[in-house]
Amino acid sequence: MHEMSLMYEIIQLVSKDAISRGFRRVKQVQVIVGDLSNVLPDALEAAFFYFRKENLGLLDEYSQLEIVREKATTQCQTCLHEFEPDFRIALCPKCGLLNGLLISGETFRVESYEGCDVFEN
């Protein structure tokens, strides 16, 4: 489950940035996960809850994780039809050709976080 190491790195990076900005805790982390990013949102969330319980970095029992799902979208380079593929490579449902360009759905990034300089909820 590589989501444990991904979440560990996210928490470390966010905590380091939060410390540099004078925050004492991280209230919320927002992560964008694309449908074709090879990251399982449920496993990522489980890893977050584990690390939250362990008070890793600047997390505490009230810290929250928001996962924003990004749908996969492909555009056929022949007929310009946009569709939602099941896989990275997919036949265009309109013209039947295998000439699609993936335009969204591979994203995996920290979009934002919210910190505060006090320990209260």
PDB file of N, CA and C in Angstrom:
ATOM      1  N   MET A   1       0.851  -1.179   0.000  1.00  0.00           N
ATOM      2  CA  MET A   1       0.000   0.000   0.000  1.00  0.00           C
ATOM      3  C   MET A   1       0.895   1.241   0.000  1.00  0.00           C
ATOM      4  N   HIS A   2       1.153   1.771  -1.173  1.00  0.00           N
ATOM      5  CA  HIS A   2       2.031   2.933  -1.268  1.00  0.00           C
ATOM      6  C   HIS A   2       1.374   4.217  -0.771  1.00  0.00           C
ATOM      7  N   GLU A   3       0.082   4.167  -0.516  1.00  0.00           N
ATOM      8  CA  GLU A   3      -0.607   5.355   0.007  1.00  0.00           C
ATOM      9  C   GLU A   3      -0.084   5.758   1.387  1.00  0.00           C
ATOM     10  N   MET A   4       0.404   4.781   2.164  1.00  0.00           N
ATOM     11  CA  MET A   4       0.982   5.118   3.477  1.00  0.00           C
ATOM     12  C   MET A   4       2.197   6.028   3.288  1.00  0.00           C
ATOM     13  N   SER A   5       3.084   5.653   2.377  1.00  0.00           N
ATOM     14  CA  SER A   5       4.277   6.483   2.169  1.00  0.00           C
ATOM     15  C   SER A   5       3.919   7.815   1.515  1.00  0.00           C
ATOM     16  N   LEU A   6       2.929   7.820   0.614  1.00  0.00           N
ATOM     17  CA  LEU A   6       2.487   9.079   0.008  1.00  0.00           C
ATOM     18  C   LEU A   6       1.941  10.032   1.069  1.00  0.00           C
ATOM     19  N   MET A   7       1.078   9.513   1.949  1.00  0.00           N
ATOM     20  CA  MET A   7       0.495  10.364   2.986  1.00  0.00           C
ATOM     21  C   MET A   7       1.556  10.818   3.982  1.00  0.00           C
ATOM     22  N   TYR A   8       2.493   9.950   4.291  1.00  0.00           N
ATOM     23  CA  TYR A   8       3.585  10.329   5.193  1.00  0.00           C
ATOM     24  C   TYR A   8       4.337  11.536   4.618  1.00  0.00           C
ATOM     25  N   GLU A   9       4.673  11.462   3.340  1.00  0.00           N
ATOM     26  CA  GLU A   9       5.389  12.563   2.691  1.00  0.00           C
ATOM     27  C   GLU A   9       4.553  13.837   2.647  1.00  0.00           C
ATOM     28  N   ILE A  10       3.258  13.695   2.371  1.00  0.00           N
ATOM     29  CA  ILE A  10       2.362  14.863   2.365  1.00  0.00           C
ATOM     30  C   ILE A  10       2.374  15.549   3.722  1.00  0.00           C
ATOM     31  N   ILE A  11       2.214  14.762   4.764  1.00  0.00           N
ATOM     32  CA  ILE A  11       2.158  15.334   6.120  1.00  0.00           C
ATOM     33  C   ILE A  11       3.487  15.997   6.480  1.00  0.00           C
ATOM     34  N   GLN A  12       4.591  15.368   6.103  1.00  0.00           N
ATOM     35  CA  GLN A  12       5.901  15.952   6.393  1.00  0.00           C
ATOM     36  C   GLN A  12       6.085  17.282   5.654  1.00  0.00           C
ATOM     37  N   LEU A  13       5.727  17.309   4.373  1.00  0.00           N
ATOM     38  CA  LEU A  13       5.872  18.542   3.586  1.00  0.00           C
ATOM     39  C   LEU A  13       4.970  19.656   4.092  1.00  0.00           C
ATOM     40  N   VAL A  14       3.705  19.311   4.363  1.00  0.00           N
ATOM     41  CA  VAL A  14       2.758  20.310   4.861  1.00  0.00           C
ATOM     42  C   VAL A  14       3.205  20.829   6.223  1.00  0.00           C
ATOM     43  N   SER A  15       3.632  19.935   7.103  1.00  0.00           N
ATOM     44  CA  SER A  15       4.067  20.345   8.440  1.00  0.00           C
ATOM     45  C   SER A  15       5.298  21.251   8.369  1.00  0.00           C
ATOM     46  N   LYS A  16       6.235  20.908   7.494  1.00  0.00           N
ATOM     47  CA  LYS A  16       7.436  21.738   7.335  1.00  0.00           C
ATOM     48  C   LYS A  16       7.067  23.145   6.861  1.00  0.00           C
ATOM     49  N   ASP A  17       6.164  23.221   5.879  1.00  0.00           N
ATOM     50  CA  ASP A  17       5.737  24.525   5.395  1.00  0.00           C
ATOM     51  C   ASP A  17       4.969  25.284   6.476  1.00  0.00           C
ATOM     52  N   ALA A  18       4.108  24.573   7.202  1.00  0.00           N
ATOM     53  CA  ALA A  18       3.320  25.217   8.256  1.00  0.00           C
ATOM     54  C   ALA A  18       4.220  25.779   9.351  1.00  0.00           C
ATOM     55  N   ILE A  19       5.250  25.043   9.719  1.00  0.00           N
ATOM     56  CA  ILE A  19       6.198  25.527  10.736  1.00  0.00           C
ATOM     57  C   ILE A  19       6.894  26.789  10.248  1.00  0.00           C
ATOM     58  N   SER A  20       7.283  26.797   8.976  1.00  0.00           N
ATOM     59  CA  SER A  20       7.981  27.972   8.434  1.00  0.00           C
ATOM     60  C   SER A  20       7.084  29.203   8.412  1.00  0.00           C
ATOM     61  N   ARG A  21       5.771  28.995   8.446  1.00  0.00           N
ATOM     62  CA  ARG A  21       4.813  30.104   8.455  1.00  0.00           C
ATOM     63  C   ARG A  21       4.317  30.438   9.866  1.00  0.00           C
ATOM     64  N   GLY A  22       4.858  29.757  10.871  1.00  0.00           N
ATOM     65  CA  GLY A  22       4.509  30.061  12.250  1.00  0.00           C
ATOM     66  C   GLY A  22       3.273  29.341  12.778  1.00  0.00           C
ATOM     67  N   PHE A  23       2.785  28.349  12.057  1.00  0.00           N
ATOM     68  CA  PHE A  23       1.626  27.583  12.543  1.00  0.00           C
ATOM     69  C   PHE A  23       2.077  26.540  13.560  1.00  0.00           C
ATOM     70  N   ARG A  24       1.166  26.205  14.463  1.00  0.00           N
ATOM     71  CA  ARG A  24       1.459  25.203  15.485  1.00  0.00           C
ATOM     72  C   ARG A  24       0.704  23.905  15.239  1.00  0.00           C
ATOM     73  N   ARG A  25      -0.306  23.948  14.368  1.00  0.00           N
ATOM     74  CA  ARG A  25      -1.042  22.734  14.012  1.00  0.00           C
ATOM     75  C   ARG A  25      -1.653  22.887  12.630  1.00  0.00           C
ATOM     76  N   VAL A  26      -1.939  21.746  12.015  1.00  0.00           N
ATOM     77  CA  VAL A  26      -2.591  21.725  10.708  1.00  0.00           C
ATOM     78  C   VAL A  26      -4.026  21.272  10.929  1.00  0.00           C
ATOM     79  N   LYS A  27      -4.971  22.147  10.559  1.00  0.00           N
ATOM     80  CA  LYS A  27      -6.388  21.841  10.762  1.00  0.00           C
ATOM     81  C   LYS A  27      -6.952  20.987   9.635  1.00  0.00           C
ATOM     82  N   GLN A  28      -6.534  21.250   8.405  1.00  0.00           N
ATOM     83  CA  GLN A  28      -7.110  20.545   7.258  1.00  0.00           C
ATOM     84  C   GLN A  28      -6.096  20.477   6.122  1.00  0.00           C
ATOM     85  N   VAL A  29      -6.133  19.362   5.412  1.00  0.00           N
ATOM     86  CA  VAL A  29      -5.319  19.186   4.210  1.00  0.00           C
ATOM     87  C   VAL A  29      -6.270  18.799   3.088  1.00  0.00           C
ATOM     88  N   GLN A  30      -6.151  19.469   1.956  1.00  0.00           N
ATOM     89  CA  GLN A  30      -6.970  19.140   0.788  1.00  0.00           C
ATOM     90  C   GLN A  30      -6.050  18.563  -0.291  1.00  0.00           C
ATOM     91  N   VAL A  31      -6.416  17.360  -0.758  1.00  0.00           N
ATOM     92  CA  VAL A  31      -5.624  16.653  -1.762  1.00  0.00           C
ATOM     93  C   VAL A  31      -6.509  16.359  -2.963  1.00  0.00           C
ATOM     94  N   ILE A  32      -5.970  16.567  -4.165  1.00  0.00           N
ATOM     95  CA  ILE A  32      -6.679  16.211  -5.397  1.00  0.00           C
ATOM     96  C   ILE A  32      -6.135  14.868  -5.865  1.00  0.00           C
ATOM     97  N   VAL A  33      -7.064  13.926  -6.120  1.00  0.00           N
ATOM     98  CA  VAL A  33      -6.702  12.590  -6.566  1.00  0.00           C
ATOM     99  C   VAL A  33      -7.461  12.285  -7.849  1.00  0.00           C
ATOM    100  N   GLY A  34      -6.722  12.106  -8.932  1.00  0.00           N
ATOM    101  CA  GLY A  34      -7.324  11.772 -10.211  1.00  0.00           C
ATOM    102  C   GLY A  34      -7.722  10.304 -10.270  1.00  0.00           C
ATOM    103  N   ASP A  35      -8.788  10.020 -11.014  1.00  0.00           N
ATOM    104  CA  ASP A  35      -9.271   8.650 -11.144  1.00  0.00           C
ATOM    105  C   ASP A  35      -8.239   7.707 -11.748  1.00  0.00           C
ATOM    106  N   LEU A  36      -7.303   8.243 -12.532  1.00  0.00           N
ATOM    107  CA  LEU A  36      -6.266   7.418 -13.153  1.00  0.00           C
ATOM    108  C   LEU A  36      -4.873   7.719 -12.586  1.00  0.00           C
ATOM    109  N   SER A  37      -4.828   8.165 -11.339  1.00  0.00           N
ATOM    110  CA  SER A  37      -3.558   8.551 -10.717  1.00  0.00           C
ATOM    111  C   SER A  37      -2.840   7.388 -10.045  1.00  0.00           C
ATOM    112  N   ASN A  38      -3.465   6.227  -9.999  1.00  0.00           N
ATOM    113  CA  ASN A  38      -2.910   5.057  -9.299  1.00  0.00           C
ATOM    114  C   ASN A  38      -2.824   5.267  -7.791  1.00  0.00           C
ATOM    115  N   VAL A  39      -3.661   6.143  -7.266  1.00  0.00           N
ATOM    116  CA  VAL A  39      -3.750   6.371  -5.828  1.00  0.00           C
ATOM    117  C   VAL A  39      -5.180   6.037  -5.411  1.00  0.00           C
ATOM    118  N   LEU A  40      -5.310   5.199  -4.392  1.00  0.00           N
ATOM    119  CA  LEU A  40      -6.636   4.820  -3.896  1.00  0.00           C
ATOM    120  C   LEU A  40      -7.064   5.784  -2.793  1.00  0.00           C
ATOM    121  N   PRO A  41      -8.119   6.563  -3.040  1.00  0.00           N
ATOM    122  CA  PRO A  41      -8.555   7.545  -2.034  1.00  0.00           C
ATOM    123  C   PRO A  41      -8.864   6.930  -0.664  1.00  0.00           C
ATOM    124  N   ASP A  42      -9.492   5.764  -0.637  1.00  0.00           N
ATOM    125  CA  ASP A  42      -9.820   5.136   0.652  1.00  0.00           C
ATOM    126  C   ASP A  42      -8.560   4.764   1.429  1.00  0.00           C
ATOM    127  N   ALA A  43      -7.557   4.259   0.728  1.00  0.00           N
ATOM    128  CA  ALA A  43      -6.297   3.900   1.381  1.00  0.00           C
ATOM    129  C   ALA A  43      -5.558   5.151   1.842  1.00  0.00           C
ATOM    130  N   LEU A  44      -5.623   6.211   1.064  1.00  0.00           N
ATOM    131  CA  LEU A  44      -5.008   7.477   1.436  1.00  0.00           C
ATOM    132  C   LEU A  44      -5.659   8.033   2.704  1.00  0.00           C
ATOM    133  N   GLU A  45      -6.974   7.928   2.754  1.00  0.00           N
ATOM    134  CA  GLU A  45      -7.708   8.394   3.929  1.00  0.00           C
ATOM    135  C   GLU A  45      -7.371   7.547   5.159  1.00  0.00           C
ATOM    136  N   ALA A  46      -7.266   6.244   4.989  1.00  0.00           N
ATOM    137  CA  ALA A  46      -6.906   5.360   6.105  1.00  0.00           C
ATOM    138  C   ALA A  46      -5.516   5.709   6.632  1.00  0.00           C
ATOM    139  N   ALA A  47      -4.589   5.999   5.719  1.00  0.00           N
ATOM    140  CA  ALA A  47      -3.244   6.388   6.125  1.00  0.00           C
ATOM    141  C   ALA A  47      -3.276   7.704   6.905  1.00  0.00           C
ATOM    142  N   PHE A  48      -4.088   8.654   6.442  1.00  0.00           N
ATOM    143  CA  PHE A  48      -4.211   9.934   7.144  1.00  0.00           C
ATOM    144  C   PHE A  48      -4.713   9.726   8.566  1.00  0.00           C
ATOM    145  N   PHE A  49      -5.759   8.907   8.722  1.00  0.00           N
ATOM    146  CA  PHE A  49      -6.305   8.667  10.060  1.00  0.00           C
ATOM    147  C   PHE A  49      -5.285   7.985  10.970  1.00  0.00           C
ATOM    148  N   TYR A  50      -4.497   7.088  10.392  1.00  0.00           N
ATOM    149  CA  TYR A  50      -3.447   6.436  11.184  1.00  0.00           C
ATOM    150  C   TYR A  50      -2.431   7.469  11.671  1.00  0.00           C
ATOM    151  N   PHE A  51      -1.939   8.295  10.758  1.00  0.00           N
ATOM    152  CA  PHE A  51      -0.935   9.290  11.134  1.00  0.00           C
ATOM    153  C   PHE A  51      -1.518  10.372  12.040  1.00  0.00           C
ATOM    154  N   ARG A  52      -2.792  10.673  11.861  1.00  0.00           N
ATOM    155  CA  ARG A  52      -3.445  11.636  12.751  1.00  0.00           C
ATOM    156  C   ARG A  52      -3.469  11.088  14.170  1.00  0.00           C
ATOM    157  N   LYS A  53      -3.793   9.808  14.304  1.00  0.00           N
ATOM    158  CA  LYS A  53      -3.820   9.162  15.623  1.00  0.00           C
ATOM    159  C   LYS A  53      -2.437   9.183  16.271  1.00  0.00           C
ATOM    160  N   GLU A  54      -1.407   9.088  15.444  1.00  0.00           N
ATOM    161  CA  GLU A  54      -0.022   9.106  15.934  1.00  0.00           C
ATOM    162  C   GLU A  54       0.517  10.524  16.138  1.00  0.00           C
ATOM    163  N   ASN A  55      -0.299  11.547  15.826  1.00  0.00           N
ATOM    164  CA  ASN A  55       0.111  12.953  15.940  1.00  0.00           C
ATOM    165  C   ASN A  55       1.379  13.247  15.137  1.00  0.00           C
ATOM    166  N   LEU A  56       1.435  12.698  13.942  1.00  0.00           N
ATOM    167  CA  LEU A  56       2.589  12.934  13.077  1.00  0.00           C
ATOM    168  C   LEU A  56       2.624  14.392  12.639  1.00  0.00           C
ATOM    169  N   GLY A  57       3.803  14.960  12.597  1.00  0.00           N
ATOM    170  CA  GLY A  57       3.944  16.352  12.161  1.00  0.00           C
ATOM    171  C   GLY A  57       3.119  17.277  13.028  1.00  0.00           C
ATOM    172  N   LEU A  58       2.344  18.125  12.388  1.00  0.00           N
ATOM    173  CA  LEU A  58       1.494  19.073  13.119  1.00  0.00           C
ATOM    174  C   LEU A  58       0.033  18.632  13.162  1.00  0.00           C
ATOM    175  N   LEU A  59      -0.218  17.345  12.900  1.00  0.00           N
ATOM    176  CA  LEU A  59      -1.590  16.841  12.986  1.00  0.00           C
ATOM    177  C   LEU A  59      -1.978  16.616  14.433  1.00  0.00           C
ATOM    178  N   ASP A  60      -3.254  16.751  14.698  1.00  0.00           N
ATOM    179  CA  ASP A  60      -3.791  16.367  16.000  1.00  0.00           C
ATOM    180  C   ASP A  60      -5.120  15.651  15.766  1.00  0.00           C
ATOM    181  N   GLU A  61      -5.810  15.317  16.833  1.00  0.00           N
ATOM    182  CA  GLU A  61      -7.035  14.519  16.716  1.00  0.00           C
ATOM    183  C   GLU A  61      -8.150  15.222  15.944  1.00  0.00           C
ATOM    184  N   TYR A  62      -8.055  16.539  15.748  1.00  0.00           N
ATOM    185  CA  TYR A  62      -9.092  17.291  15.041  1.00  0.00           C
ATOM    186  C   TYR A  62      -8.746  17.581  13.577  1.00  0.00           C
ATOM    187  N   SER A  63      -7.544  17.256  13.168  1.00  0.00           N
ATOM    188  CA  SER A  63      -7.129  17.513  11.791  1.00  0.00           C
ATOM    189  C   SER A  63      -8.000  16.731  10.814  1.00  0.00           C
ATOM    190  N   GLN A  64      -8.300  17.370   9.690  1.00  0.00           N
ATOM    191  CA  GLN A  64      -9.189  16.773   8.691  1.00  0.00           C
ATOM    192  C   GLN A  64      -8.485  16.628   7.347  1.00  0.00           C
ATOM    193  N   LEU A  65      -8.931  15.642   6.585  1.00  0.00           N
ATOM    194  CA  LEU A  65      -8.452  15.437   5.225  1.00  0.00           C
ATOM    195  C   LEU A  65      -9.634  15.580   4.289  1.00  0.00           C
ATOM    196  N   GLU A  66      -9.466  16.382   3.253  1.00  0.00           N
ATOM    197  CA  GLU A  66     -10.480  16.492   2.205  1.00  0.00           C
ATOM    198  C   GLU A  66      -9.861  15.974   0.910  1.00  0.00           C
ATOM    199  N   ILE A  67     -10.488  14.955   0.338  1.00  0.00           N
ATOM    200  CA  ILE A  67     -10.020  14.403  -0.922  1.00  0.00           C
ATOM    201  C   ILE A  67     -10.982  14.850  -2.017  1.00  0.00           C
ATOM    202  N   VAL A  68     -10.447  15.538  -3.006  1.00  0.00           N
ATOM    203  CA  VAL A  68     -11.229  15.997  -4.151  1.00  0.00           C
ATOM    204  C   VAL A  68     -10.904  15.051  -5.300  1.00  0.00           C
ATOM    205  N   ARG A  69     -11.924  14.380  -5.811  1.00  0.00           N
ATOM    206  CA  ARG A  69     -11.724  13.439  -6.918  1.00  0.00           C
ATOM    207  C   ARG A  69     -11.738  14.187  -8.244  1.00  0.00           C
ATOM    208  N   GLU A  70     -10.782  13.854  -9.099  1.00  0.00           N
ATOM    209  CA  GLU A  70     -10.721  14.435 -10.434  1.00  0.00           C
ATOM    210  C   GLU A  70     -11.077  13.346 -11.451  1.00  0.00           C
ATOM    211  N   LYS A  71     -12.158  13.562 -12.172  1.00  0.00           N
ATOM    212  CA  LYS A  71     -12.589  12.595 -13.182  1.00  0.00           C
ATOM    213  C   LYS A  71     -11.611  12.570 -14.347  1.00  0.00           C
ATOM    214  N   ALA A  72     -11.481  11.400 -14.927  1.00  0.00           N
ATOM    215  CA  ALA A  72     -10.636  11.249 -16.114  1.00  0.00           C
ATOM    216  C   ALA A  72     -11.409  11.717 -17.336  1.00  0.00           C
ATOM    217  N   THR A  73     -10.746  12.476 -18.183  1.00  0.00           N
ATOM    218  CA  THR A  73     -11.338  12.948 -19.432  1.00  0.00           C
ATOM    219  C   THR A  73     -10.315  12.768 -20.540  1.00  0.00           C
ATOM    220  N   THR A  74     -10.785  12.242 -21.655  1.00  0.00           N
ATOM    221  CA  THR A  74      -9.952  12.048 -22.833  1.00  0.00           C
ATOM    222  C   THR A  74     -10.589  12.773 -24.003  1.00  0.00           C
ATOM    223  N   GLN A  75      -9.744  13.332 -24.869  1.00  0.00           N
ATOM    224  CA  GLN A  75     -10.251  13.950 -26.089  1.00  0.00           C
ATOM    225  C   GLN A  75      -9.671  13.181 -27.282  1.00  0.00           C
ATOM    226  N   CYS A  76     -10.564  12.735 -28.153  1.00  0.00           N
ATOM    227  CA  CYS A  76     -10.145  12.058 -29.371  1.00  0.00           C
ATOM    228  C   CYS A  76      -9.462  13.088 -30.273  1.00  0.00           C
ATOM    229  N   GLN A  77      -8.267  12.782 -30.725  1.00  0.00           N
ATOM    230  CA  GLN A  77      -7.514  13.717 -31.564  1.00  0.00           C
ATOM    231  C   GLN A  77      -7.961  13.668 -33.028  1.00  0.00           C
ATOM    232  N   THR A  78      -8.866  12.723 -33.339  1.00  0.00           N
ATOM    233  CA  THR A  78      -9.396  12.630 -34.692  1.00  0.00           C
ATOM    234  C   THR A  78     -10.692  13.416 -34.837  1.00  0.00           C
ATOM    235  N   CYS A  79     -11.671  13.092 -33.961  1.00  0.00           N
ATOM    236  CA  CYS A  79     -12.983  13.744 -34.090  1.00  0.00           C
ATOM    237  C   CYS A  79     -13.243  14.801 -33.015  1.00  0.00           C
ATOM    238  N   LEU A  80     -12.300  14.976 -32.074  1.00  0.00           N
ATOM    239  CA  LEU A  80     -12.355  15.973 -30.992  1.00  0.00           C
ATOM    240  C   LEU A  80     -13.448  15.706 -29.959  1.00  0.00           C
ATOM    241  N   HIS A  81     -14.012  14.517 -29.968  1.00  0.00           N
ATOM    242  CA  HIS A  81     -15.024  14.132 -28.982  1.00  0.00           C
ATOM    243  C   HIS A  81     -14.346  13.925 -27.623  1.00  0.00           C
ATOM    244  N   GLU A  82     -14.932  14.485 -26.551  1.00  0.00           N
ATOM    245  CA  GLU A  82     -14.428  14.278 -25.198  1.00  0.00           C
ATOM    246  C   GLU A  82     -15.259  13.203 -24.524  1.00  0.00           C
ATOM    247  N   PHE A  83     -14.574  12.298 -23.814  1.00  0.00           N
ATOM    248  CA  PHE A  83     -15.263  11.206 -23.129  1.00  0.00           C
ATOM    249  C   PHE A  83     -14.484  10.791 -21.890  1.00  0.00           C
ATOM    250  N   GLU A  84     -15.168  10.028 -21.019  1.00  0.00           N
ATOM    251  CA  GLU A  84     -14.564   9.536 -19.789  1.00  0.00           C
ATOM    252  C   GLU A  84     -14.062   8.111 -20.036  1.00  0.00           C
ATOM    253  N   PRO A  85     -12.736   7.922 -20.054  1.00  0.00           N
ATOM    254  CA  PRO A  85     -12.197   6.596 -20.334  1.00  0.00           C
ATOM    255  C   PRO A  85     -12.175   5.713 -19.083  1.00  0.00           C
ATOM    256  N   ASP A  86     -12.183   4.412 -19.312  1.00  0.00           N
ATOM    257  CA  ASP A  86     -12.037   3.469 -18.198  1.00  0.00           C
ATOM    258  C   ASP A  86     -10.563   3.242 -17.870  1.00  0.00           C
ATOM    259  N   PHE A  87      -9.720   3.405 -18.874  1.00  0.00           N
ATOM    260  CA  PHE A  87      -8.285   3.179 -18.743  1.00  0.00           C
ATOM    261  C   PHE A  87      -7.544   4.326 -19.427  1.00  0.00           C
ATOM    262  N   ARG A  88      -6.239   4.361 -19.261  1.00  0.00           N
ATOM    263  CA  ARG A  88      -5.429   5.403 -19.898  1.00  0.00           C
ATOM    264  C   ARG A  88      -5.547   5.362 -21.419  1.00  0.00           C
ATOM    265  N   ILE A  89      -5.653   4.181 -21.976  1.00  0.00           N
ATOM    266  CA  ILE A  89      -5.811   4.015 -23.422  1.00  0.00           C
ATOM    267  C   ILE A  89      -7.229   3.505 -23.668  1.00  0.00           C
ATOM    268  N   ALA A  90      -7.995   4.234 -24.471  1.00  0.00           N
ATOM    269  CA  ALA A  90      -9.388   3.862 -24.708  1.00  0.00           C
ATOM    270  C   ALA A  90      -9.810   4.240 -26.121  1.00  0.00           C
ATOM    271  N   LEU A  91     -10.701   3.423 -26.661  1.00  0.00           N
ATOM    272  CA  LEU A  91     -11.274   3.718 -27.972  1.00  0.00           C
ATOM    273  C   LEU A  91     -12.291   4.840 -27.846  1.00  0.00           C
ATOM    274  N   CYS A  92     -12.318   5.729 -28.811  1.00  0.00           N
ATOM    275  CA  CYS A  92     -13.298   6.805 -28.841  1.00  0.00           C
ATOM    276  C   CYS A  92     -14.671   6.189 -29.088  1.00  0.00           C
ATOM    277  N   PRO A  93     -15.655   6.492 -28.237  1.00  0.00           N
ATOM    278  CA  PRO A  93     -16.986   5.933 -28.436  1.00  0.00           C
ATOM    279  C   PRO A  93     -17.721   6.512 -29.647  1.00  0.00           C
ATOM    280  N   LYS A  94     -17.228   7.632 -30.157  1.00  0.00           N
ATOM    281  CA  LYS A  94     -17.888   8.271 -31.299  1.00  0.00           C
ATOM    282  C   LYS A  94     -17.356   7.742 -32.635  1.00  0.00           C
ATOM    283  N   CYS A  95     -16.017   7.729 -32.804  1.00  0.00           N
ATOM    284  CA  CYS A  95     -15.452   7.317 -34.099  1.00  0.00           C
ATOM    285  C   CYS A  95     -14.777   5.953 -34.052  1.00  0.00           C
ATOM    286  N   GLY A  96     -14.586   5.406 -32.830  1.00  0.00           N
ATOM    287  CA  GLY A  96     -14.014   4.071 -32.691  1.00  0.00           C
ATOM    288  C   GLY A  96     -12.508   3.994 -32.850  1.00  0.00           C
ATOM    289  N   LEU A  97     -11.837   5.116 -32.961  1.00  0.00           N
ATOM    290  CA  LEU A  97     -10.391   5.108 -33.140  1.00  0.00           C
ATOM    291  C   LEU A  97      -9.656   5.195 -31.801  1.00  0.00           C
ATOM    292  N   LEU A  98      -8.445   4.704 -31.815  1.00  0.00           N
ATOM    293  CA  LEU A  98      -7.595   4.725 -30.630  1.00  0.00           C
ATOM    294  C   LEU A  98      -6.626   5.900 -30.767  1.00  0.00           C
ATOM    295  N   ASN A  99      -7.169   7.096 -30.614  1.00  0.00           N
ATOM    296  CA  ASN A  99      -6.381   8.304 -30.838  1.00  0.00           C
ATOM    297  C   ASN A  99      -6.726   9.349 -29.787  1.00  0.00           C
ATOM    298  N   GLY A 100      -6.843   8.888 -28.533  1.00  0.00           N
ATOM    299  CA  GLY A 100      -7.234   9.800 -27.461  1.00  0.00           C
ATOM    300  C   GLY A 100      -6.062  10.405 -26.725  1.00  0.00           C
ATOM    301  N   LEU A 101      -6.277  11.604 -26.256  1.00  0.00           N
ATOM    302  CA  LEU A 101      -5.304  12.312 -25.430  1.00  0.00           C
ATOM    303  C   LEU A 101      -5.943  12.528 -24.064  1.00  0.00           C
ATOM    304  N   LEU A 102      -5.313  11.996 -23.025  1.00  0.00           N
ATOM    305  CA  LEU A 102      -5.822  12.155 -21.666  1.00  0.00           C
ATOM    306  C   LEU A 102      -5.611  13.607 -21.237  1.00  0.00           C
ATOM    307  N   ILE A 103      -6.715  14.305 -20.916  1.00  0.00           N
ATOM    308  CA  ILE A 103      -6.597  15.723 -20.550  1.00  0.00           C
ATOM    309  C   ILE A 103      -6.832  15.981 -19.062  1.00  0.00           C
ATOM    310  N   SER A 104      -7.374  14.999 -18.353  1.00  0.00           N
ATOM    311  CA  SER A 104      -7.496  15.119 -16.895  1.00  0.00           C
ATOM    312  C   SER A 104      -7.660  13.735 -16.296  1.00  0.00           C
ATOM    313  N   GLY A 105      -7.365  13.650 -15.006  1.00  0.00           N
ATOM    314  CA  GLY A 105      -7.564  12.399 -14.290  1.00  0.00           C
ATOM    315  C   GLY A 105      -6.295  11.772 -13.746  1.00  0.00           C
ATOM    316  N   GLU A 106      -5.140  12.346 -14.046  1.00  0.00           N
ATOM    317  CA  GLU A 106      -3.885  11.798 -13.534  1.00  0.00           C
ATOM    318  C   GLU A 106      -3.327  12.597 -12.351  1.00  0.00           C
ATOM    319  N   THR A 107      -4.012  13.630 -11.959  1.00  0.00           N
ATOM    320  CA  THR A 107      -3.509  14.531 -10.923  1.00  0.00           C
ATOM    321  C   THR A 107      -3.421  13.847  -9.565  1.00  0.00           C
ATOM    322  N   PHE A 108      -2.340  14.127  -8.875  1.00  0.00           N
ATOM    323  CA  PHE A 108      -2.206  13.783  -7.459  1.00  0.00           C
ATOM    324  C   PHE A 108      -1.356  14.891  -6.841  1.00  0.00           C
ATOM    325  N   ARG A 109      -2.007  15.748  -6.049  1.00  0.00           N
ATOM    326  CA  ARG A 109      -1.276  16.857  -5.443  1.00  0.00           C
ATOM    327  C   ARG A 109      -2.005  17.384  -4.214  1.00  0.00           C
ATOM    328  N   VAL A 110      -1.238  18.061  -3.378  1.00  0.00           N
ATOM    329  CA  VAL A 110      -1.816  18.802  -2.261  1.00  0.00           C
ATOM    330  C   VAL A 110      -2.300  20.116  -2.849  1.00  0.00           C
ATOM    331  N   GLU A 111      -3.586  20.352  -2.755  1.00  0.00           N
ATOM    332  CA  GLU A 111      -4.167  21.594  -3.280  1.00  0.00           C
ATOM    333  C   GLU A 111      -3.992  22.730  -2.281  1.00  0.00           C
ATOM    334  N   SER A 112      -4.229  22.417  -1.001  1.00  0.00           N
ATOM    335  CA  SER A 112      -4.111  23.446   0.027  1.00  0.00           C
ATOM    336  C   SER A 112      -4.077  22.799   1.404  1.00  0.00           C
ATOM    337  N   TYR A 113      -3.742  23.621   2.384  1.00  0.00           N
ATOM    338  CA  TYR A 113      -3.886  23.188   3.775  1.00  0.00           C
ATOM    339  C   TYR A 113      -4.246  24.404   4.603  1.00  0.00           C
ATOM    340  N   GLU A 114      -4.832  24.138   5.750  1.00  0.00           N
ATOM    341  CA  GLU A 114      -5.212  25.210   6.664  1.00  0.00           C
ATOM    342  C   GLU A 114      -4.490  24.964   7.979  1.00  0.00           C
ATOM    343  N   GLY A 115      -3.772  25.963   8.442  1.00  0.00           N
ATOM    344  CA  GLY A 115      -3.068  25.846   9.699  1.00  0.00           C
ATOM    345  C   GLY A 115      -3.547  26.896  10.678  1.00  0.00           C
ATOM    346  N   CYS A 116      -3.150  26.720  11.922  1.00  0.00           N
ATOM    347  CA  CYS A 116      -3.470  27.755  12.921  1.00  0.00           C
ATOM    348  C   CYS A 116      -2.327  27.808  13.928  1.00  0.00           C
ATOM    349  N   ASP A 117      -2.280  28.900  14.664  1.00  0.00           N
ATOM    350  CA  ASP A 117      -1.185  29.097  15.597  1.00  0.00           C
ATOM    351  C   ASP A 117      -1.578  28.809  17.049  1.00  0.00           C
ATOM    352  N   VAL A 118      -2.734  28.179  17.235  1.00  0.00           N
ATOM    353  CA  VAL A 118      -3.154  27.767  18.582  1.00  0.00           C
ATOM    354  C   VAL A 118      -3.542  26.291  18.553  1.00  0.00           C
ATOM    355  N   PHE A 119      -3.566  25.670  19.725  1.00  0.00           N
ATOM    356  CA  PHE A 119      -3.852  24.242  19.793  1.00  0.00           C
ATOM    357  C   PHE A 119      -5.339  23.922  19.999  1.00  0.00           C
ATOM    358  N   GLU A 120      -6.161  24.917  20.223  1.00  0.00           N
ATOM    359  CA  GLU A 120      -7.579  24.619  20.441  1.00  0.00           C
ATOM    360  C   GLU A 120      -8.278  24.242  19.155  1.00  0.00           C
ATOM    361  N   ASN A 121      -9.440  23.580  19.273  1.00  0.00           N
ATOM    362  CA  ASN A 121     -10.190  23.075  18.108  1.00  0.00           C
ATOM    363  C   ASN A 121     -10.759  24.168  17.274  1.00  0.00           C
TER     364      ASN A 121
END
